[in-house]
Amino acid sequence: MSDRFQRSRVPMLPTVLFADANEDYRSMARDALLEGRTATDLRTVADGTELLAYLKRANATEGALAPTPSLIVIDANLPGTPAGHELIRALKQNPSTKRVPVVALGADDDPEAVEAAYEAGANTYIVKPVTFLALVRLMKVFTAYWLETAELPPGQEAA
């Protein structure tokens, strides 16, 4: 069962939209953000259809129900329609999401997988951590970079 549009209870924090088909991995990502004391509002979806539905709600200005993400993290091998790379491509072609940073998480550092993620429009490609501590470190690093350090275009700043 999907934890569709699940959100934390802390309002007005930068929203991270995390897409992964594995419910246990989504839960581990949520726990990693808490463990790392990363001040974000994590929303999780299980596939491309749920991600697009979430963004449609965000674009309809439903406020706290679906805040516009400041960062999108996608399993590069996300199943469904659209699947991982197609979903990244669709996000980068959509005027409302084209400037939102997209982190692609992949199973390994195979050069073809890395190239495919960047060709689709990912802002970065990271090998998916398999241990909890590695995921805690990763979440701290990329949320600090994308939400605190990087200068984003107007309208895309971490809110």
Protein backbone atom coordinates (compact mmCIF):
# COMPACT_ATOMS: atom_id res chain seq x y z
CA MET A 1 0.00 0.00 0.00
CA SER A 2 1.33 3.43 -0.95
CA ASP A 3 1.87 6.20 1.56
CA ARG A 4 0.41 8.54 -1.05
CA PHE A 5 1.11 12.19 -0.41
CA GLN A 6 2.23 11.47 3.14
CA ARG A 7 3.72 14.53 4.79
CA SER A 8 5.44 15.48 7.97
CA ARG A 9 3.72 17.62 10.59
CA VAL A 10 6.12 20.57 10.37
CA PRO A 11 4.69 23.40 8.23
CA MET A 12 6.52 26.00 6.13
CA LEU A 13 9.67 24.00 5.53
CA PRO A 14 11.22 23.28 2.13
CA THR A 15 9.34 20.40 0.56
CA VAL A 16 11.24 17.38 -0.75
CA LEU A 17 9.20 15.10 -3.00
CA PHE A 18 10.67 11.59 -2.87
CA ALA A 19 9.58 8.99 -5.46
CA ASP A 20 10.48 5.35 -4.92
CA ALA A 21 8.45 2.20 -5.56
CA ASN A 22 9.79 0.48 -2.45
CA GLU A 23 7.67 1.37 0.57
CA ASP A 24 10.44 0.33 2.97
CA TYR A 25 12.93 2.62 1.20
CA ARG A 26 10.49 5.55 1.36
CA SER A 27 10.12 4.91 5.09
CA MET A 28 13.90 4.67 5.48
CA ALA A 29 14.28 8.03 3.68
CA ARG A 30 11.78 9.61 6.05
CA ASP A 31 13.64 8.18 9.05
CA ALA A 32 16.98 9.33 7.61
CA LEU A 33 15.76 12.92 7.38
CA LEU A 34 14.58 12.77 10.99
CA GLU A 35 17.82 11.14 12.17
CA GLY A 36 19.88 13.76 10.36
CA ARG A 37 17.72 16.54 11.81
CA THR A 38 17.17 17.85 8.31
CA ALA A 39 14.55 20.60 8.38
CA THR A 40 12.37 19.57 5.45
CA ASP A 41 8.80 18.59 4.73
CA LEU A 42 9.14 15.17 3.08
CA ARG A 43 6.36 13.99 0.78
CA THR A 44 6.59 10.51 -0.70
CA VAL A 45 5.03 8.87 -3.74
CA ALA A 46 5.33 5.35 -5.10
CA ASP A 47 5.35 5.92 -8.86
CA GLY A 48 5.22 8.41 -11.71
CA THR A 49 1.43 8.56 -11.73
CA GLU A 50 1.36 9.56 -8.06
CA LEU A 51 4.14 12.09 -8.58
CA LEU A 52 2.28 13.78 -11.43
CA ALA A 53 -0.96 13.75 -9.41
CA TYR A 54 0.86 15.39 -6.51
CA LEU A 55 2.28 18.10 -8.78
CA LYS A 56 -1.14 18.71 -10.33
CA ARG A 57 -2.49 19.35 -6.82
CA ALA A 58 0.47 21.64 -6.04
CA ASN A 59 -0.18 23.61 -9.23
CA ALA A 60 -3.83 23.97 -8.27
CA THR A 61 -2.58 25.97 -5.24
CA GLU A 62 -3.90 23.58 -2.64
CA GLY A 63 -1.48 25.06 -0.15
CA ALA A 64 -0.55 22.78 2.72
CA LEU A 65 -2.14 19.74 1.08
CA ALA A 66 0.46 19.65 -1.66
CA PRO A 67 3.12 22.37 -1.42
CA THR A 68 5.28 22.87 -4.47
CA PRO A 69 8.49 20.88 -4.00
CA SER A 70 11.82 22.63 -3.63
CA LEU A 71 13.61 19.38 -4.56
CA ILE A 72 12.48 16.18 -6.29
CA VAL A 73 14.30 12.90 -5.65
CA ILE A 74 13.44 10.09 -8.08
CA ASP A 75 14.53 6.49 -8.31
CA ALA A 76 15.98 6.48 -11.84
CA ASN A 77 14.48 3.02 -12.33
CA LEU A 78 11.05 3.97 -10.99
CA PRO A 79 8.46 1.69 -12.59
CA GLY A 80 5.14 2.81 -13.98
CA THR A 81 3.94 5.28 -16.52
CA PRO A 82 5.80 7.48 -16.81
CA ALA A 83 8.82 5.55 -15.57
CA GLY A 84 12.03 7.02 -14.07
CA HIS A 85 13.82 8.62 -17.01
CA GLU A 86 10.61 9.50 -18.86
CA LEU A 87 9.32 11.11 -15.68
CA ILE A 88 12.48 13.20 -15.29
CA ARG A 89 12.19 14.26 -18.93
CA ALA A 90 8.52 15.22 -18.43
CA LEU A 91 9.38 17.26 -15.32
CA LYS A 92 12.09 19.16 -17.17
CA GLN A 93 9.76 19.90 -20.11
CA ASN A 94 6.95 21.19 -17.88
CA PRO A 95 7.12 24.97 -17.32
CA SER A 96 6.01 24.66 -13.68
CA THR A 97 8.68 22.08 -12.74
CA LYS A 98 11.52 22.56 -15.21
CA ARG A 99 13.62 24.53 -12.72
CA VAL A 100 12.99 22.35 -9.68
CA PRO A 101 16.21 20.42 -8.99
CA VAL A 102 15.85 16.70 -9.68
CA VAL A 103 18.12 14.16 -8.01
CA ALA A 104 18.17 10.76 -9.74
CA LEU A 105 18.97 7.81 -7.50
CA GLY A 106 20.36 4.82 -9.37
CA ALA A 107 21.20 1.26 -8.48
CA ASP A 108 24.85 1.54 -9.50
CA ASP A 109 27.45 3.75 -11.15
CA ASP A 110 27.12 2.16 -14.58
CA PRO A 111 28.18 4.88 -17.06
CA GLU A 112 25.15 4.21 -19.28
CA ALA A 113 22.76 4.64 -16.34
CA VAL A 114 24.47 7.87 -15.32
CA GLU A 115 24.37 9.18 -18.90
CA ALA A 116 20.69 8.26 -19.27
CA ALA A 117 19.77 10.18 -16.11
CA TYR A 118 21.61 13.30 -17.23
CA GLU A 119 20.21 13.01 -20.77
CA ALA A 120 16.72 12.92 -19.26
CA GLY A 121 17.47 16.19 -17.45
CA ALA A 122 18.47 15.14 -13.92
CA ASN A 123 20.48 17.78 -12.09
CA THR A 124 22.57 15.09 -10.44
CA TYR A 125 22.88 11.31 -10.29
CA ILE A 126 23.69 9.51 -7.05
CA VAL A 127 24.12 5.81 -6.40
CA LYS A 128 21.28 4.81 -4.09
CA PRO A 129 22.60 4.18 -0.56
CA VAL A 130 21.76 0.74 0.78
CA THR A 131 22.51 1.30 4.46
CA PHE A 132 20.61 3.60 6.77
CA LEU A 133 23.70 5.54 7.88
CA ALA A 134 24.76 6.13 4.28
CA LEU A 135 21.25 7.39 3.50
CA VAL A 136 21.33 9.74 6.52
CA ARG A 137 24.64 11.20 5.29
CA LEU A 138 23.35 11.53 1.75
CA MET A 139 20.10 13.23 2.76
CA LYS A 140 22.04 15.73 4.88
CA VAL A 141 24.46 16.49 2.05
CA PHE A 142 22.05 16.91 -0.82
CA THR A 143 19.38 18.76 1.13
CA ALA A 144 22.07 21.12 2.48
CA TYR A 145 23.36 21.69 -1.04
CA TRP A 146 20.07 22.04 -2.94
CA LEU A 147 18.04 23.76 -0.23
CA GLU A 148 20.64 25.93 1.53
CA THR A 149 23.69 26.44 -0.69
CA ALA A 150 22.65 26.43 -4.35
CA GLU A 151 21.34 29.66 -5.84
CA LEU A 152 18.10 28.75 -7.58
CA PRO A 153 16.18 30.84 -10.13
CA PRO A 154 13.55 33.26 -8.78
CA GLY A 155 10.42 31.43 -7.71
CA GLN A 156 12.32 28.18 -7.06
CA GLU A 157 14.01 29.09 -3.80
CA ALA A 158 13.48 26.74 -0.89
CA ALA A 159 10.31 27.91 0.77
